[in-house]
N, C-alpha and C. Protein backbone atom coordinates (compact mmCIF):
# COMPACT_ATOMS: atom_id res chain seq x y z
N MET A 1 15.50 -6.53 0.82
CA MET A 1 13.97 -7.58 0.84
C MET A 1 13.48 -7.36 1.91
N CYS A 2 11.92 -8.14 2.53
CA CYS A 2 11.31 -6.63 3.45
C CYS A 2 10.78 -8.55 3.48
N ARG A 3 11.05 -8.97 4.72
CA ARG A 3 10.19 -10.80 4.45
C ARG A 3 9.91 -10.91 6.14
N ASP A 4 8.39 -11.24 6.80
CA ASP A 4 8.09 -11.07 7.82
C ASP A 4 8.31 -10.34 8.61
N LEU A 5 7.75 -9.41 8.64
CA LEU A 5 7.55 -8.54 9.17
C LEU A 5 6.51 -7.29 9.67
N VAL A 6 5.90 -6.56 10.54
CA VAL A 6 4.60 -6.39 11.52
C VAL A 6 4.84 -4.63 11.61
N PHE A 7 4.89 -4.23 11.20
CA PHE A 7 4.35 -2.05 11.52
C PHE A 7 3.32 -2.14 12.30
N ARG A 8 2.61 -2.38 13.89
CA ARG A 8 1.34 -2.14 14.70
C ARG A 8 1.79 -0.42 15.35
N ASP A 9 0.90 -0.61 15.65
CA ASP A 9 0.22 0.75 16.54
C ASP A 9 1.04 1.90 16.09
N CYS A 10 1.06 2.40 14.82
CA CYS A 10 3.17 3.73 14.66
C CYS A 10 1.75 4.14 13.68
N THR A 11 2.67 5.27 13.64
CA THR A 11 3.37 6.16 12.44
C THR A 11 3.53 6.57 11.41
N ILE A 12 3.47 5.91 10.26
CA ILE A 12 4.60 6.25 9.43
C ILE A 12 5.34 7.48 7.80
N GLY A 13 5.16 8.22 7.78
CA GLY A 13 4.91 9.48 6.67
C GLY A 13 5.87 9.37 5.26
N GLU A 14 6.36 8.05 5.37
CA GLU A 14 6.54 7.54 4.14
C GLU A 14 7.62 5.90 3.84
N PHE A 15 6.58 5.66 3.58
CA PHE A 15 7.06 4.17 3.53
C PHE A 15 7.42 4.46 2.25
N ASP A 16 8.85 3.72 2.10
CA ASP A 16 9.78 3.62 1.40
C ASP A 16 10.04 2.38 0.64
N GLY A 17 8.37 1.34 -0.51
CA GLY A 17 9.18 0.29 -0.86
C GLY A 17 8.93 0.47 -2.11
N ASN A 18 9.80 1.50 -3.03
CA ASN A 18 10.16 1.49 -4.23
C ASN A 18 10.63 0.16 -5.02
N ASP A 19 10.81 -0.78 -5.84
CA ASP A 19 11.77 -1.08 -5.86
C ASP A 19 12.06 -2.50 -5.68
N ALA A 20 11.16 -2.82 -4.44
CA ALA A 20 11.30 -3.72 -3.08
C ALA A 20 10.71 -4.38 -3.06
N ARG A 21 10.94 -5.72 -2.22
CA ARG A 21 10.47 -7.60 -2.11
C ARG A 21 10.08 -7.50 -1.11
N LEU A 22 8.52 -7.69 -1.09
CA LEU A 22 7.61 -7.60 -0.55
C LEU A 22 7.56 -8.89 -0.17
N SER A 23 7.44 -9.37 0.80
CA SER A 23 6.82 -10.54 1.53
C SER A 23 6.36 -11.09 2.76
N ARG A 24 4.44 -11.34 3.40
CA ARG A 24 4.70 -11.27 4.64
C ARG A 24 4.64 -10.26 5.92
N VAL A 25 4.67 -8.93 4.69
CA VAL A 25 4.36 -7.97 5.95
C VAL A 25 2.76 -7.16 6.01
N ALA A 26 2.50 -6.56 6.90
CA ALA A 26 1.45 -6.60 7.83
C ALA A 26 1.38 -5.27 8.38
N PHE A 27 0.37 -4.46 8.42
CA PHE A 27 0.72 -3.73 8.72
C PHE A 27 -0.98 -3.32 9.83
N ILE A 28 -0.87 -2.87 10.63
CA ILE A 28 -1.60 -3.62 12.11
C ILE A 28 -2.00 -2.17 12.82
N ASP A 29 -3.24 -0.94 13.35
CA ASP A 29 -3.59 -0.43 13.24
C ASP A 29 -2.14 1.31 12.56
N THR A 30 -2.31 1.20 11.88
CA THR A 30 -0.92 1.95 11.94
C THR A 30 -1.07 2.84 10.96
N ASP A 31 -1.45 4.01 10.35
CA ASP A 31 -1.52 5.09 9.82
C ASP A 31 0.05 5.45 9.15
N VAL A 32 -0.60 5.32 7.31
CA VAL A 32 0.63 5.74 6.91
C VAL A 32 -0.26 6.41 5.45
N ALA A 33 1.17 7.71 5.41
CA ALA A 33 0.86 8.66 4.73
C ALA A 33 0.94 8.82 3.41
N VAL A 34 2.73 7.97 3.12
CA VAL A 34 2.62 7.85 1.65
C VAL A 34 2.25 6.64 1.71
N LEU A 35 1.86 4.84 0.76
CA LEU A 35 2.78 4.80 0.54
C LEU A 35 3.04 4.33 -0.43
N SER A 36 4.77 4.03 -0.69
CA SER A 36 5.07 4.27 -2.16
C SER A 36 5.85 2.52 -2.25
N LEU A 37 5.63 2.17 -3.66
CA LEU A 37 5.03 0.88 -4.55
C LEU A 37 5.44 1.06 -5.17
N ARG A 38 6.27 1.79 -6.62
CA ARG A 38 7.13 1.80 -7.71
C ARG A 38 7.67 0.55 -7.77
N HIS A 39 7.55 -0.22 -8.41
CA HIS A 39 8.31 -1.21 -9.01
C HIS A 39 8.62 -2.47 -7.70
N ALA A 40 7.10 -2.67 -6.99
CA ALA A 40 7.92 -3.41 -5.98
C ALA A 40 6.81 -4.52 -6.07
N VAL A 41 7.54 -5.57 -6.10
CA VAL A 41 6.26 -7.15 -5.66
C VAL A 41 6.51 -7.05 -4.46
N CYS A 42 5.51 -7.28 -4.50
CA CYS A 42 4.58 -7.76 -3.27
C CYS A 42 4.09 -9.30 -2.77
N ALA A 43 4.05 -10.50 -1.75
CA ALA A 43 3.83 -11.27 -1.76
C ALA A 43 2.96 -11.37 -0.32
N ASP A 44 1.87 -11.77 -0.50
CA ASP A 44 1.36 -11.31 0.73
C ASP A 44 1.72 -10.21 2.12
N VAL A 45 1.15 -9.17 1.15
CA VAL A 45 1.02 -7.65 2.14
C VAL A 45 -0.30 -7.73 2.74
N ASP A 46 0.12 -7.13 3.83
CA ASP A 46 -1.02 -7.48 4.64
C ASP A 46 -1.62 -5.24 4.99
N LEU A 47 -2.82 -5.24 4.17
CA LEU A 47 -2.64 -3.84 4.01
C LEU A 47 -3.89 -3.43 5.14
N ARG A 48 -4.68 -4.03 5.20
CA ARG A 48 -6.45 -4.01 5.67
C ARG A 48 -5.69 -3.22 7.09
N GLY A 49 -5.34 -3.36 7.89
CA GLY A 49 -5.00 -2.53 9.27
C GLY A 49 -3.63 -1.26 9.25
N ALA A 50 -4.32 -0.94 7.60
CA ALA A 50 -3.32 0.27 8.06
C ALA A 50 -4.68 1.17 7.20
N ARG A 51 -4.27 2.83 7.91
CA ARG A 51 -5.33 3.91 7.04
C ARG A 51 -4.27 4.58 6.20
N LEU A 52 -4.37 4.56 5.64
CA LEU A 52 -4.13 4.87 3.83
C LEU A 52 -4.20 5.92 3.25
N HIS A 53 -3.15 7.37 3.52
CA HIS A 53 -3.86 8.44 3.01
C HIS A 53 -3.17 9.33 1.43
N GLU A 54 -2.54 7.69 0.99
CA GLU A 54 -1.89 8.44 -0.71
C GLU A 54 -1.27 7.07 -0.91
N ILE A 55 -1.36 6.57 -2.14
CA ILE A 55 -0.56 5.28 -2.74
C ILE A 55 -0.23 5.67 -3.72
N ARG A 56 1.44 5.79 -3.85
CA ARG A 56 2.04 6.18 -4.99
C ARG A 56 2.81 4.57 -5.88
N GLY A 57 2.28 4.26 -7.06
CA GLY A 57 2.80 2.38 -7.60
C GLY A 57 2.05 2.06 -7.59
N GLY A 58 0.61 2.24 -8.09
CA GLY A 58 0.05 1.23 -7.26
C GLY A 58 -0.44 0.39 -8.44
N ASP A 59 -0.35 -0.25 -9.60
CA ASP A 59 0.48 -0.90 -10.68
C ASP A 59 0.83 -1.89 -10.12
N SER A 60 1.36 -1.70 -8.56
CA SER A 60 2.68 -3.04 -8.55
C SER A 60 1.90 -3.29 -6.85
N LEU A 61 0.83 -2.97 -6.49
CA LEU A 61 -0.91 -3.36 -5.33
C LEU A 61 -0.13 -5.12 -5.95
N LYS A 62 -0.30 -6.21 -6.84
CA LYS A 62 -0.44 -7.07 -6.75
C LYS A 62 0.57 -7.83 -5.44
N GLY A 63 -1.00 -8.98 -5.09
CA GLY A 63 -0.12 -9.57 -4.09
C GLY A 63 -0.27 -9.19 -2.49
N THR A 64 -1.14 -7.44 -2.59
CA THR A 64 -2.14 -7.19 -1.30
C THR A 64 -3.72 -8.00 -0.72
N THR A 65 -3.36 -7.65 -0.08
CA THR A 65 -4.85 -7.55 0.42
C THR A 65 -4.92 -6.57 1.47
N MET A 66 -6.86 -5.50 0.79
CA MET A 66 -7.13 -4.21 1.05
C MET A 66 -8.14 -4.90 1.82
N THR A 67 -9.33 -4.09 2.23
CA THR A 67 -10.37 -4.31 2.46
C THR A 67 -11.22 -3.07 1.36
N ILE A 68 -12.74 -3.86 1.48
CA ILE A 68 -13.38 -2.34 0.02
C ILE A 68 -13.77 -1.87 0.79
N GLU A 69 -13.38 -0.85 1.84
CA GLU A 69 -13.16 -0.09 1.50
C GLU A 69 -11.77 1.23 1.85
N GLN A 70 -11.04 0.25 2.21
CA GLN A 70 -9.31 1.05 1.52
C GLN A 70 -9.85 1.13 -0.25
N ILE A 71 -10.40 0.80 -0.19
CA ILE A 71 -10.58 0.44 -2.50
C ILE A 71 -11.30 1.41 -2.53
N ALA A 72 -12.41 1.06 -2.20
CA ALA A 72 -13.01 2.57 -3.15
C ALA A 72 -12.87 4.34 -1.93
N ASP A 73 -12.20 4.08 -0.86
CA ASP A 73 -10.89 5.14 -0.06
C ASP A 73 -10.52 6.01 -0.74
N LEU A 74 -9.76 4.46 -2.03
CA LEU A 74 -8.42 5.21 -2.34
C LEU A 74 -9.08 5.28 -4.88
N ALA A 75 -10.11 5.01 -3.97
CA ALA A 75 -10.34 4.74 -6.16
C ALA A 75 -10.35 5.61 -6.75
N ALA A 76 -10.05 6.61 -6.67
CA ALA A 76 -9.12 7.68 -7.45
C ALA A 76 -8.41 7.76 -8.11
N VAL A 77 -7.30 7.37 -7.00
CA VAL A 77 -5.28 6.76 -7.45
C VAL A 77 -5.86 5.51 -7.63
N PHE A 78 -6.71 4.81 -7.70
CA PHE A 78 -6.37 3.84 -8.94
C PHE A 78 -6.71 4.37 -9.90
N ALA A 79 -7.75 4.73 -10.56
CA ALA A 79 -8.02 5.22 -11.67
C ALA A 79 -7.03 5.61 -11.89
N ARG A 80 -6.21 6.86 -11.58
CA ARG A 80 -4.63 7.53 -10.87
C ARG A 80 -3.70 6.81 -12.66
N SER A 81 -3.79 6.10 -12.17
CA SER A 81 -2.61 5.05 -11.95
C SER A 81 -3.35 4.38 -13.34
N LEU A 82 -4.45 4.06 -13.59
CA LEU A 82 -4.99 3.52 -14.77
C LEU A 82 -4.88 4.22 -16.18
N GLY A 83 -5.02 5.76 -15.56
CA GLY A 83 -5.01 7.00 -17.25
C GLY A 83 -6.32 7.69 -16.73
N ILE A 84 -6.69 7.24 -16.53
CA ILE A 84 -8.90 6.95 -16.13
C ILE A 84 -8.35 9.19 -15.93
N ARG A 85 -9.26 9.93 -15.35
CA ARG A 85 -8.70 11.11 -15.14
C ARG A 85 -10.20 11.39 -14.79
N THR A 86 -10.65 11.59 -13.38
CA THR A 86 -11.62 11.54 -12.92
C THR A 86 -11.71 13.14 -12.37
N ASP A 87 -12.98 13.94 -11.35
CA ASP A 87 -12.93 15.76 -11.75
C ASP A 87 -13.90 15.32 -9.83
């Protein structure tokens, strides 16, 4: 379990949150190459300050907060997680 954790001004190659319980976690001015959340349970996870390049386990994003810009940038990732093909 990760609780009350803040990542600030750092670079993370891969954040492995697979099968984790994340609560009150924030990413502030942080570059995240891969955010992996397969089978994770998130509660109050703030991704607004993260520069996200890839998300694995997009279906586990319930309980997170993202900006509309982040969501738009990752639209293809979300589509793939729903089984939608894009070109």
